[in-house]
PDB file of all heavy atoms in Angstrom:
ATOM      1  N   LEU A   1     -31.379  24.931  42.991  1.00  0.00           N
ATOM      2  CA  LEU A   1     -30.303  25.026  43.975  1.00  0.00           C
ATOM      3  C   LEU A   1     -28.935  24.806  43.334  1.00  0.00           C
ATOM      4  O   LEU A   1     -28.771  23.859  42.531  1.00  0.00           O
ATOM      5  CB  LEU A   1     -30.505  23.987  45.084  1.00  0.00           C
ATOM      6  CG  LEU A   1     -31.801  24.125  45.893  1.00  0.00           C
ATOM      7  CD1 LEU A   1     -31.912  22.948  46.852  1.00  0.00           C
ATOM      8  CD2 LEU A   1     -31.794  25.441  46.662  1.00  0.00           C
ATOM      9  N   TYR A   2     -27.987  25.643  43.714  1.00  0.00           N
ATOM     10  CA  TYR A   2     -26.619  25.523  43.205  1.00  0.00           C
ATOM     11  C   TYR A   2     -25.680  25.419  44.366  1.00  0.00           C
ATOM     12  O   TYR A   2     -25.783  26.117  45.358  1.00  0.00           O
ATOM     13  CB  TYR A   2     -26.251  26.753  42.346  1.00  0.00           C
ATOM     14  CG  TYR A   2     -26.896  26.739  40.992  1.00  0.00           C
ATOM     15  CD1 TYR A   2     -28.158  27.258  40.815  1.00  0.00           C
ATOM     16  CD2 TYR A   2     -26.247  26.206  39.908  1.00  0.00           C
ATOM     17  CE1 TYR A   2     -28.789  27.234  39.592  1.00  0.00           C
ATOM     18  CE2 TYR A   2     -26.843  26.207  38.657  1.00  0.00           C
ATOM     19  CZ  TYR A   2     -28.111  26.705  38.537  1.00  0.00           C
ATOM     20  OH  TYR A   2     -28.703  26.683  37.321  1.00  0.00           O
ATOM     21  N   THR A   3     -24.693  24.530  44.210  1.00  0.00           N
ATOM     22  CA  THR A   3     -23.613  24.390  45.187  1.00  0.00           C
ATOM     23  C   THR A   3     -22.452  25.278  44.735  1.00  0.00           C
ATOM     24  O   THR A   3     -22.381  25.723  43.580  1.00  0.00           O
ATOM     25  CB  THR A   3     -23.179  22.948  45.353  1.00  0.00           C
ATOM     26  OG1 THR A   3     -22.600  22.530  44.092  1.00  0.00           O
ATOM     27  CG2 THR A   3     -24.283  22.045  45.779  1.00  0.00           C
ATOM     28  N   LEU A   4     -21.489  25.494  45.594  1.00  0.00           N
ATOM     29  CA  LEU A   4     -20.327  26.280  45.246  1.00  0.00           C
ATOM     30  C   LEU A   4     -19.560  25.684  44.091  1.00  0.00           C
ATOM     31  O   LEU A   4     -19.225  26.417  43.157  1.00  0.00           O
ATOM     32  CB  LEU A   4     -19.460  26.482  46.487  1.00  0.00           C
ATOM     33  CG  LEU A   4     -18.200  27.310  46.361  1.00  0.00           C
ATOM     34  CD1 LEU A   4     -18.467  28.630  45.667  1.00  0.00           C
ATOM     35  CD2 LEU A   4     -17.592  27.528  47.696  1.00  0.00           C
ATOM     36  N   PRO A   5     -19.282  24.375  44.063  1.00  0.00           N
ATOM     37  CA  PRO A   5     -18.562  23.826  42.917  1.00  0.00           C
ATOM     38  C   PRO A   5     -19.328  24.029  41.601  1.00  0.00           C
ATOM     39  O   PRO A   5     -18.701  24.290  40.532  1.00  0.00           O
ATOM     40  CB  PRO A   5     -18.409  22.343  43.228  1.00  0.00           C
ATOM     41  CG  PRO A   5     -18.454  22.294  44.726  1.00  0.00           C
ATOM     42  CD  PRO A   5     -19.413  23.389  45.140  1.00  0.00           C
ATOM     43  N   GLN A   6     -20.639  23.912  41.620  1.00  0.00           N
ATOM     44  CA  GLN A   6     -21.427  24.126  40.401  1.00  0.00           C
ATOM     45  C   GLN A   6     -21.314  25.595  39.942  1.00  0.00           C
ATOM     46  O   GLN A   6     -21.183  25.853  38.762  1.00  0.00           O
ATOM     47  CB  GLN A   6     -22.888  23.806  40.643  1.00  0.00           C
ATOM     48  CG  GLN A   6     -23.181  22.354  40.806  1.00  0.00           C
ATOM     49  CD  GLN A   6     -24.619  22.109  41.292  1.00  0.00           C
ATOM     50  OE1 GLN A   6     -25.175  22.853  42.067  1.00  0.00           O
ATOM     51  NE2 GLN A   6     -25.248  21.036  40.749  1.00  0.00           N
ATOM     52  N   ALA A   7     -21.392  26.530  40.901  1.00  0.00           N
ATOM     53  CA  ALA A   7     -21.305  27.954  40.533  1.00  0.00           C
ATOM     54  C   ALA A   7     -19.918  28.271  39.998  1.00  0.00           C
ATOM     55  O   ALA A   7     -19.836  29.050  39.058  1.00  0.00           O
ATOM     56  CB  ALA A   7     -21.637  28.804  41.768  1.00  0.00           C
ATOM     57  N   LEU A   8     -18.922  27.711  40.564  1.00  0.00           N
ATOM     58  CA  LEU A   8     -17.557  27.943  40.075  1.00  0.00           C
ATOM     59  C   LEU A   8     -17.407  27.415  38.625  1.00  0.00           C
ATOM     60  O   LEU A   8     -16.740  28.050  37.790  1.00  0.00           O
ATOM     61  CB  LEU A   8     -16.491  27.309  40.971  1.00  0.00           C
ATOM     62  CG  LEU A   8     -16.209  28.036  42.260  1.00  0.00           C
ATOM     63  CD1 LEU A   8     -15.329  27.190  43.182  1.00  0.00           C
ATOM     64  CD2 LEU A   8     -15.557  29.389  41.977  1.00  0.00           C
ATOM     65  N   ALA A   9     -17.959  26.275  38.348  1.00  0.00           N
ATOM     66  CA  ALA A   9     -17.919  25.735  36.986  1.00  0.00           C
ATOM     67  C   ALA A   9     -18.613  26.552  35.955  1.00  0.00           C
ATOM     68  O   ALA A   9     -18.174  26.639  34.809  1.00  0.00           O
ATOM     69  CB  ALA A   9     -18.520  24.290  37.005  1.00  0.00           C
ATOM     70  N   LEU A  10     -19.618  27.300  36.379  1.00  0.00           N
ATOM     71  CA  LEU A  10     -20.363  28.171  35.473  1.00  0.00           C
ATOM     72  C   LEU A  10     -19.827  29.576  35.369  1.00  0.00           C
ATOM     73  O   LEU A  10     -20.168  30.342  34.451  1.00  0.00           O
ATOM     74  CB  LEU A  10     -21.848  28.252  35.932  1.00  0.00           C
ATOM     75  CG  LEU A  10     -22.659  26.960  35.887  1.00  0.00           C
ATOM     76  CD1 LEU A  10     -23.990  27.153  36.624  1.00  0.00           C
ATOM     77  CD2 LEU A  10     -22.911  26.555  34.424  1.00  0.00           C
ATOM     78  N   ALA A  11     -18.992  29.955  36.317  1.00  0.00           N
ATOM     79  CA  ALA A  11     -18.477  31.340  36.386  1.00  0.00           C
ATOM     80  C   ALA A  11     -17.502  31.678  35.257  1.00  0.00           C
ATOM     81  O   ALA A  11     -16.896  30.777  34.681  1.00  0.00           O
ATOM     82  CB  ALA A  11     -17.831  31.590  37.753  1.00  0.00           C
ATOM     83  N   ASP A  12     -17.371  32.943  34.995  1.00  0.00           N
ATOM     84  CA  ASP A  12     -16.389  33.440  34.019  1.00  0.00           C
ATOM     85  C   ASP A  12     -14.972  33.166  34.547  1.00  0.00           C
ATOM     86  O   ASP A  12     -14.658  33.646  35.635  1.00  0.00           O
ATOM     87  CB  ASP A  12     -16.666  34.920  33.818  1.00  0.00           C
ATOM     88  CG  ASP A  12     -15.682  35.562  32.824  1.00  0.00           C
ATOM     89  OD1 ASP A  12     -14.881  34.843  32.226  1.00  0.00           O
ATOM     90  OD2 ASP A  12     -15.770  36.813  32.663  1.00  0.00           O
ATOM     91  N   PRO A  13     -14.143  32.440  33.849  1.00  0.00           N
ATOM     92  CA  PRO A  13     -12.807  32.102  34.333  1.00  0.00           C
ATOM     93  C   PRO A  13     -11.979  33.353  34.649  1.00  0.00           C
ATOM     94  O   PRO A  13     -11.186  33.320  35.593  1.00  0.00           O
ATOM     95  CB  PRO A  13     -12.160  31.314  33.185  1.00  0.00           C
ATOM     96  CG  PRO A  13     -13.365  30.767  32.444  1.00  0.00           C
ATOM     97  CD  PRO A  13     -14.438  31.786  32.536  1.00  0.00           C
ATOM     98  N   SER A  14     -12.141  34.407  33.917  1.00  0.00           N
ATOM     99  CA  SER A  14     -11.363  35.631  34.219  1.00  0.00           C
ATOM    100  C   SER A  14     -11.777  36.254  35.544  1.00  0.00           C
ATOM    101  O   SER A  14     -10.931  36.788  36.268  1.00  0.00           O
ATOM    102  CB  SER A  14     -11.500  36.638  33.088  1.00  0.00           C
ATOM    103  OG  SER A  14     -12.820  37.114  32.968  1.00  0.00           O
ATOM    104  N   GLU A  15     -13.034  36.129  35.888  1.00  0.00           N
ATOM    105  CA  GLU A  15     -13.515  36.643  37.180  1.00  0.00           C
ATOM    106  C   GLU A  15     -12.928  35.833  38.316  1.00  0.00           C
ATOM    107  O   GLU A  15     -12.514  36.350  39.341  1.00  0.00           O
ATOM    108  CB  GLU A  15     -15.050  36.658  37.246  1.00  0.00           C
ATOM    109  CG  GLU A  15     -15.577  37.330  38.447  1.00  0.00           C
ATOM    110  CD  GLU A  15     -17.071  37.367  38.528  1.00  0.00           C
ATOM    111  OE1 GLU A  15     -17.741  37.123  37.528  1.00  0.00           O
ATOM    112  OE2 GLU A  15     -17.550  37.780  39.571  1.00  0.00           O
ATOM    113  N   ILE A  16     -12.904  34.493  38.131  1.00  0.00           N
ATOM    114  CA  ILE A  16     -12.349  33.616  39.175  1.00  0.00           C
ATOM    115  C   ILE A  16     -10.868  33.927  39.324  1.00  0.00           C
ATOM    116  O   ILE A  16     -10.349  33.990  40.440  1.00  0.00           O
ATOM    117  CB  ILE A  16     -12.551  32.139  38.805  1.00  0.00           C
ATOM    118  CG1 ILE A  16     -14.056  31.809  38.717  1.00  0.00           C
ATOM    119  CG2 ILE A  16     -11.866  31.211  39.791  1.00  0.00           C
ATOM    120  CD1 ILE A  16     -14.820  32.052  39.952  1.00  0.00           C
ATOM    121  N   ALA A  17     -10.147  34.079  38.198  1.00  0.00           N
ATOM    122  CA  ALA A  17      -8.730  34.426  38.274  1.00  0.00           C
ATOM    123  C   ALA A  17      -8.494  35.733  39.011  1.00  0.00           C
ATOM    124  O   ALA A  17      -7.533  35.859  39.805  1.00  0.00           O
ATOM    125  CB  ALA A  17      -8.138  34.472  36.881  1.00  0.00           C
ATOM    126  N   GLU A  18      -9.303  36.712  38.749  1.00  0.00           N
ATOM    127  CA  GLU A  18      -9.179  38.004  39.428  1.00  0.00           C
ATOM    128  C   GLU A  18      -9.426  37.854  40.945  1.00  0.00           C
ATOM    129  O   GLU A  18      -8.658  38.422  41.716  1.00  0.00           O
ATOM    130  CB  GLU A  18     -10.197  38.992  38.859  1.00  0.00           C
ATOM    131  CG  GLU A  18     -10.173  40.326  39.460  1.00  0.00           C
ATOM    132  CD  GLU A  18     -11.260  41.276  38.893  1.00  0.00           C
ATOM    133  OE1 GLU A  18     -11.576  41.129  37.718  1.00  0.00           O
ATOM    134  OE2 GLU A  18     -11.755  42.083  39.690  1.00  0.00           O
ATOM    135  N   ASN A  19     -10.418  37.085  41.311  1.00  0.00           N
ATOM    136  CA  ASN A  19     -10.680  36.826  42.743  1.00  0.00           C
ATOM    137  C   ASN A  19      -9.540  36.077  43.396  1.00  0.00           C
ATOM    138  O   ASN A  19      -9.157  36.361  44.515  1.00  0.00           O
ATOM    139  CB  ASN A  19     -11.959  36.067  42.954  1.00  0.00           C
ATOM    140  CG  ASN A  19     -13.199  36.964  42.652  1.00  0.00           C
ATOM    141  OD1 ASN A  19     -13.700  37.602  43.542  1.00  0.00           O
ATOM    142  ND2 ASN A  19     -13.612  36.980  41.395  1.00  0.00           N
ATOM    143  N   ARG A  20      -8.972  35.097  42.673  1.00  0.00           N
ATOM    144  CA  ARG A  20      -7.828  34.315  43.198  1.00  0.00           C
ATOM    145  C   ARG A  20      -6.634  35.239  43.464  1.00  0.00           C
ATOM    146  O   ARG A  20      -5.884  35.022  44.400  1.00  0.00           O
ATOM    147  CB  ARG A  20      -7.391  33.279  42.186  1.00  0.00           C
ATOM    148  CG  ARG A  20      -8.020  31.939  42.426  1.00  0.00           C
ATOM    149  CD  ARG A  20      -7.270  30.859  41.636  1.00  0.00           C
ATOM    150  NE  ARG A  20      -8.034  29.667  41.835  1.00  0.00           N
ATOM    151  CZ  ARG A  20      -8.801  29.083  40.945  1.00  0.00           C
ATOM    152  NH1 ARG A  20      -8.865  29.568  39.712  1.00  0.00           N
ATOM    153  NH2 ARG A  20      -9.432  28.023  41.228  1.00  0.00           N
ATOM    154  N   SER A  21      -6.429  36.230  42.576  1.00  0.00           N
ATOM    155  CA  SER A  21      -5.252  37.059  42.704  1.00  0.00           C
ATOM    156  C   SER A  21      -5.296  37.959  43.910  1.00  0.00           C
ATOM    157  O   SER A  21      -4.273  38.445  44.384  1.00  0.00           O
ATOM    158  CB  SER A  21      -5.075  37.893  41.419  1.00  0.00           C
ATOM    159  OG  SER A  21      -6.113  38.871  41.325  1.00  0.00           O
ATOM    160  N   ILE A  22      -6.503  38.226  44.450  1.00  0.00           N
ATOM    161  CA  ILE A  22      -6.601  39.095  45.594  1.00  0.00           C
ATOM    162  C   ILE A  22      -5.930  38.508  46.837  1.00  0.00           C
ATOM    163  O   ILE A  22      -5.200  39.162  47.597  1.00  0.00           O
ATOM    164  CB  ILE A  22      -8.089  39.445  45.885  1.00  0.00           C
ATOM    165  CG1 ILE A  22      -8.641  40.286  44.708  1.00  0.00           C
ATOM    166  CG2 ILE A  22      -8.263  40.170  47.199  1.00  0.00           C
ATOM    167  CD1 ILE A  22     -10.135  40.459  44.721  1.00  0.00           C
ATOM    168  N   PHE A  23      -6.210  37.214  47.082  1.00  0.00           N
ATOM    169  CA  PHE A  23      -5.643  36.581  48.295  1.00  0.00           C
ATOM    170  C   PHE A  23      -4.605  35.511  47.934  1.00  0.00           C
ATOM    171  O   PHE A  23      -4.026  34.890  48.861  1.00  0.00           O
ATOM    172  CB  PHE A  23      -6.781  35.957  49.134  1.00  0.00           C
ATOM    173  CG  PHE A  23      -7.680  36.923  49.790  1.00  0.00           C
ATOM    174  CD1 PHE A  23      -8.915  37.174  49.278  1.00  0.00           C
ATOM    175  CD2 PHE A  23      -7.256  37.664  50.881  1.00  0.00           C
ATOM    176  CE1 PHE A  23      -9.764  38.109  49.858  1.00  0.00           C
ATOM    177  CE2 PHE A  23      -8.067  38.601  51.450  1.00  0.00           C
ATOM    178  CZ  PHE A  23      -9.331  38.816  50.960  1.00  0.00           C
ATOM    179  N   GLY A  24      -4.442  35.158  46.712  1.00  0.00           N
ATOM    180  CA  GLY A  24      -3.518  34.129  46.296  1.00  0.00           C
ATOM    181  C   GLY A  24      -4.285  32.823  46.096  1.00  0.00           C
ATOM    182  O   GLY A  24      -5.317  32.604  46.715  1.00  0.00           O
ATOM    183  N   SER A  25      -3.757  31.996  45.215  1.00  0.00           N
ATOM    184  CA  SER A  25      -4.478  30.743  44.826  1.00  0.00           C
ATOM    185  C   SER A  25      -4.731  29.813  46.028  1.00  0.00           C
ATOM    186  O   SER A  25      -5.777  29.196  46.171  1.00  0.00           O
ATOM    187  CB  SER A  25      -3.712  29.999  43.752  1.00  0.00           C
ATOM    188  OG  SER A  25      -3.742  30.720  42.579  1.00  0.00           O
ATOM    189  N   ASP A  26      -3.659  29.694  46.890  1.00  0.00           N
ATOM    190  CA  ASP A  26      -3.794  28.751  47.994  1.00  0.00           C
ATOM    191  C   ASP A  26      -4.900  29.167  49.000  1.00  0.00           C
ATOM    192  O   ASP A  26      -5.757  28.374  49.360  1.00  0.00           O
ATOM    193  CB  ASP A  26      -2.472  28.608  48.747  1.00  0.00           C
ATOM    194  CG  ASP A  26      -1.454  27.862  47.904  1.00  0.00           C
ATOM    195  OD1 ASP A  26      -1.824  27.173  46.978  1.00  0.00           O
ATOM    196  OD2 ASP A  26      -0.247  28.009  48.214  1.00  0.00           O
ATOM    197  N   LEU A  27      -4.858  30.428  49.365  1.00  0.00           N
ATOM    198  CA  LEU A  27      -5.868  30.900  50.329  1.00  0.00           C
ATOM    199  C   LEU A  27      -7.291  30.899  49.756  1.00  0.00           C
ATOM    200  O   LEU A  27      -8.248  30.531  50.426  1.00  0.00           O
ATOM    201  CB  LEU A  27      -5.466  32.321  50.825  1.00  0.00           C
ATOM    202  CG  LEU A  27      -6.113  32.809  52.110  1.00  0.00           C
ATOM    203  CD1 LEU A  27      -5.906  31.799  53.213  1.00  0.00           C
ATOM    204  CD2 LEU A  27      -5.591  34.162  52.495  1.00  0.00           C
ATOM    205  N   PHE A  28      -7.375  31.275  48.461  1.00  0.00           N
ATOM    206  CA  PHE A  28      -8.656  31.241  47.784  1.00  0.00           C
ATOM    207  C   PHE A  28      -9.197  29.789  47.772  1.00  0.00           C
ATOM    208  O   PHE A  28     -10.370  29.546  48.084  1.00  0.00           O
ATOM    209  CB  PHE A  28      -8.549  31.763  46.367  1.00  0.00           C
ATOM    210  CG  PHE A  28      -9.843  31.784  45.579  1.00  0.00           C
ATOM    211  CD1 PHE A  28     -10.735  32.855  45.747  1.00  0.00           C
ATOM    212  CD2 PHE A  28     -10.122  30.764  44.732  1.00  0.00           C
ATOM    213  CE1 PHE A  28     -11.904  32.886  45.014  1.00  0.00           C
ATOM    214  CE2 PHE A  28     -11.317  30.801  43.987  1.00  0.00           C
ATOM    215  CZ  PHE A  28     -12.216  31.856  44.174  1.00  0.00           C
TER     216      PHE A  28
END
């Protein structure tokens, strides 16, 4: 079982940055 914080820690940082850019850091 994985929680969201665990999955974010394992994710590719460039993918997270790309997702953040879609809605902005605050909304993300």
